[in-house]
Amino acid sequence: MEQVLQLTQIIIAISVAFVWVFRLDNVMIEFKQFGLSDLVRNFVGASKTILATLLVVGIWYKELIFVPAVMMGIFMIAAQYFHFKVSNPFIKHLPSLLLLSLCVFVAVMSAQ
């Protein structure tokens, strides 16, 4: 089960890196659609990058897993809120919903 937990941590980290590096143009469009400032977007991007890094480091230092997983989950809940706020179709909700599920799994498994 530990290998599944580690793989999930890596999947979350790679997903965050992919979105905030290779799909930044899409992120910029979405944040404008949500009515959020560039400052908020930069804060969210930096925070998610730091949390994703901590999840990877948590492979070696288990005490670093729970808090970043919960905080990343909170960002995913916020993403769900904003997708609902602007009435996006379900397909737009899906990535953050899947990442939220993975974050919950990581948080629960690391708390045991």
C-alpha atoms as a PDB file:
ATOM      1  CA  MET A   1       0.000   0.000   0.000  1.00  0.00           C
ATOM      2  CA  GLU A   2       2.949   2.290   0.616  1.00  0.00           C
ATOM      3  CA  GLN A   3       3.873   2.083  -3.056  1.00  0.00           C
ATOM      4  CA  VAL A   4       0.350   3.108  -4.062  1.00  0.00           C
ATOM      5  CA  LEU A   5       0.574   6.081  -1.687  1.00  0.00           C
ATOM      6  CA  GLN A   6       3.923   7.128  -3.139  1.00  0.00           C
ATOM      7  CA  LEU A   7       2.651   6.737  -6.697  1.00  0.00           C
ATOM      8  CA  THR A   8      -0.377   8.877  -5.849  1.00  0.00           C
ATOM      9  CA  GLN A   9       1.880  11.586  -4.393  1.00  0.00           C
ATOM     10  CA  ILE A  10       3.918  11.587  -7.597  1.00  0.00           C
ATOM     11  CA  ILE A  11       0.788  11.703  -9.781  1.00  0.00           C
ATOM     12  CA  ILE A  12      -0.478  14.756  -7.890  1.00  0.00           C
ATOM     13  CA  ALA A  13       2.896  16.497  -8.163  1.00  0.00           C
ATOM     14  CA  ILE A  14       3.293  15.778 -11.882  1.00  0.00           C
ATOM     15  CA  SER A  15      -0.273  16.904 -12.572  1.00  0.00           C
ATOM     16  CA  VAL A  16       0.284  20.209 -10.779  1.00  0.00           C
ATOM     17  CA  ALA A  17       3.597  20.767 -12.557  1.00  0.00           C
ATOM     18  CA  PHE A  18       2.047  19.951 -15.936  1.00  0.00           C
ATOM     19  CA  VAL A  19      -0.839  22.389 -15.456  1.00  0.00           C
ATOM     20  CA  TRP A  20       1.236  25.259 -14.044  1.00  0.00           C
ATOM     21  CA  VAL A  21       4.132  24.894 -16.519  1.00  0.00           C
ATOM     22  CA  PHE A  22       2.806  23.532 -19.806  1.00  0.00           C
ATOM     23  CA  ARG A  23      -0.794  24.744 -19.572  1.00  0.00           C
ATOM     24  CA  LEU A  24      -0.197  28.139 -18.009  1.00  0.00           C
ATOM     25  CA  ASP A  25      -2.047  29.865 -20.852  1.00  0.00           C
ATOM     26  CA  ASN A  26      -5.159  27.854 -19.957  1.00  0.00           C
ATOM     27  CA  VAL A  27      -4.714  28.727 -16.264  1.00  0.00           C
ATOM     28  CA  MET A  28      -4.508  32.427 -17.140  1.00  0.00           C
ATOM     29  CA  ILE A  29      -7.754  32.217 -19.121  1.00  0.00           C
ATOM     30  CA  GLU A  30      -9.549  30.369 -16.322  1.00  0.00           C
ATOM     31  CA  PHE A  31      -8.444  32.813 -13.618  1.00  0.00           C
ATOM     32  CA  LYS A  32      -9.709  35.704 -15.742  1.00  0.00           C
ATOM     33  CA  GLN A  33     -12.984  33.839 -16.252  1.00  0.00           C
ATOM     34  CA  PHE A  34     -13.205  33.361 -12.470  1.00  0.00           C
ATOM     35  CA  GLY A  35     -12.598  37.093 -11.938  1.00  0.00           C
ATOM     36  CA  LEU A  36      -9.399  36.531  -9.951  1.00  0.00           C
ATOM     37  CA  SER A  37      -6.360  38.807 -10.108  1.00  0.00           C
ATOM     38  CA  ASP A  38      -2.896  37.986 -11.383  1.00  0.00           C
ATOM     39  CA  LEU A  39      -1.651  38.250  -7.798  1.00  0.00           C
ATOM     40  CA  VAL A  40      -4.076  35.542  -6.676  1.00  0.00           C
ATOM     41  CA  ARG A  41      -3.128  33.384  -9.660  1.00  0.00           C
ATOM     42  CA  ASN A  42       0.584  33.731  -8.851  1.00  0.00           C
ATOM     43  CA  PHE A  43      -0.038  32.957  -5.172  1.00  0.00           C
ATOM     44  CA  VAL A  44      -2.048  29.845  -6.047  1.00  0.00           C
ATOM     45  CA  GLY A  45       0.578  28.685  -8.555  1.00  0.00           C
ATOM     46  CA  ALA A  46       3.468  29.168  -6.147  1.00  0.00           C
ATOM     47  CA  SER A  47       1.556  27.522  -3.304  1.00  0.00           C
ATOM     48  CA  LYS A  48       0.553  24.508  -5.382  1.00  0.00           C
ATOM     49  CA  THR A  49       4.124  24.120  -6.652  1.00  0.00           C
ATOM     50  CA  ILE A  50       5.481  24.189  -3.100  1.00  0.00           C
ATOM     51  CA  LEU A  51       2.852  21.720  -1.893  1.00  0.00           C
ATOM     52  CA  ALA A  52       3.541  19.387  -4.824  1.00  0.00           C
ATOM     53  CA  THR A  53       7.256  19.505  -4.013  1.00  0.00           C
ATOM     54  CA  LEU A  54       6.530  18.689  -0.377  1.00  0.00           C
ATOM     55  CA  LEU A  55       4.426  15.716  -1.453  1.00  0.00           C
ATOM     56  CA  VAL A  56       7.386  14.350  -3.414  1.00  0.00           C
ATOM     57  CA  VAL A  57       9.793  15.007  -0.528  1.00  0.00           C
ATOM     58  CA  GLY A  58       7.244  13.196   1.659  1.00  0.00           C
ATOM     59  CA  ILE A  59       8.260   9.963  -0.052  1.00  0.00           C
ATOM     60  CA  TRP A  60      11.379  10.104   2.113  1.00  0.00           C
ATOM     61  CA  TYR A  61      10.039  12.175   5.030  1.00  0.00           C
ATOM     62  CA  LYS A  62       6.594  10.810   5.898  1.00  0.00           C
ATOM     63  CA  GLU A  63       5.794  13.649   8.313  1.00  0.00           C
ATOM     64  CA  LEU A  64       5.615  16.021   5.315  1.00  0.00           C
ATOM     65  CA  ILE A  65       2.707  14.272   3.608  1.00  0.00           C
ATOM     66  CA  PHE A  66      -0.474  15.038   5.569  1.00  0.00           C
ATOM     67  CA  VAL A  67      -0.478  18.849   5.682  1.00  0.00           C
ATOM     68  CA  PRO A  68       0.432  19.389   1.991  1.00  0.00           C
ATOM     69  CA  ALA A  69      -2.196  16.817   0.938  1.00  0.00           C
ATOM     70  CA  VAL A  70      -4.891  18.590   2.965  1.00  0.00           C
ATOM     71  CA  MET A  71      -3.849  22.035   1.738  1.00  0.00           C
ATOM     72  CA  MET A  72      -3.761  20.853  -1.882  1.00  0.00           C
ATOM     73  CA  GLY A  73      -7.219  19.372  -1.331  1.00  0.00           C
ATOM     74  CA  ILE A  74      -8.429  22.768  -0.112  1.00  0.00           C
ATOM     75  CA  PHE A  75      -7.161  24.346  -3.334  1.00  0.00           C
ATOM     76  CA  MET A  76      -9.084  21.689  -5.286  1.00  0.00           C
ATOM     77  CA  ILE A  77     -12.260  22.447  -3.323  1.00  0.00           C
ATOM     78  CA  ALA A  78     -11.762  26.124  -4.199  1.00  0.00           C
ATOM     79  CA  ALA A  79     -11.345  25.149  -7.856  1.00  0.00           C
ATOM     80  CA  GLN A  80     -14.643  23.265  -7.687  1.00  0.00           C
ATOM     81  CA  TYR A  81     -16.319  26.312  -6.178  1.00  0.00           C
ATOM     82  CA  PHE A  82     -15.094  28.610  -8.958  1.00  0.00           C
ATOM     83  CA  HIS A  83     -16.050  26.138 -11.695  1.00  0.00           C
ATOM     84  CA  PHE A  84     -19.579  26.021 -10.230  1.00  0.00           C
ATOM     85  CA  LYS A  85     -19.626  29.813  -9.844  1.00  0.00           C
ATOM     86  CA  VAL A  86     -19.059  30.374 -13.567  1.00  0.00           C
ATOM     87  CA  SER A  87     -21.264  27.407 -14.543  1.00  0.00           C
ATOM     88  CA  ASN A  88     -18.557  25.460 -16.324  1.00  0.00           C
ATOM     89  CA  PRO A  89     -19.550  22.094 -17.809  1.00  0.00           C
ATOM     90  CA  PHE A  90     -18.700  18.982 -15.786  1.00  0.00           C
ATOM     91  CA  ILE A  91     -15.692  18.174 -17.976  1.00  0.00           C
ATOM     92  CA  LYS A  92     -14.022  21.348 -16.637  1.00  0.00           C
ATOM     93  CA  HIS A  93     -14.691  20.192 -13.048  1.00  0.00           C
ATOM     94  CA  LEU A  94     -13.222  16.742 -13.602  1.00  0.00           C
ATOM     95  CA  PRO A  95      -9.452  17.408 -13.257  1.00  0.00           C
ATOM     96  CA  SER A  96      -9.744  19.223  -9.920  1.00  0.00           C
ATOM     97  CA  LEU A  97     -12.316  16.683  -8.727  1.00  0.00           C
ATOM     98  CA  LEU A  98      -9.953  13.798  -9.501  1.00  0.00           C
ATOM     99  CA  LEU A  99      -7.047  15.589  -7.821  1.00  0.00           C
ATOM    100  CA  LEU A 100      -9.257  16.296  -4.800  1.00  0.00           C
ATOM    101  CA  SER A 101      -9.998  12.562  -4.563  1.00  0.00           C
ATOM    102  CA  LEU A 102      -6.299  11.747  -4.773  1.00  0.00           C
ATOM    103  CA  CYS A 103      -5.487  14.340  -2.098  1.00  0.00           C
ATOM    104  CA  VAL A 104      -8.112  12.866   0.231  1.00  0.00           C
ATOM    105  CA  PHE A 105      -6.653   9.396  -0.347  1.00  0.00           C
ATOM    106  CA  VAL A 106      -3.110  10.618   0.412  1.00  0.00           C
ATOM    107  CA  ALA A 107      -4.221  12.502   3.527  1.00  0.00           C
ATOM    108  CA  VAL A 108      -6.192   9.562   4.905  1.00  0.00           C
ATOM    109  CA  MET A 109      -3.478   7.003   4.157  1.00  0.00           C
ATOM    110  CA  SER A 110      -0.702   9.173   5.594  1.00  0.00           C
ATOM    111  CA  ALA A 111      -2.666   9.759   8.816  1.00  0.00           C
ATOM    112  CA  GLN A 112      -2.745   6.025   9.612  1.00  0.00           C
END
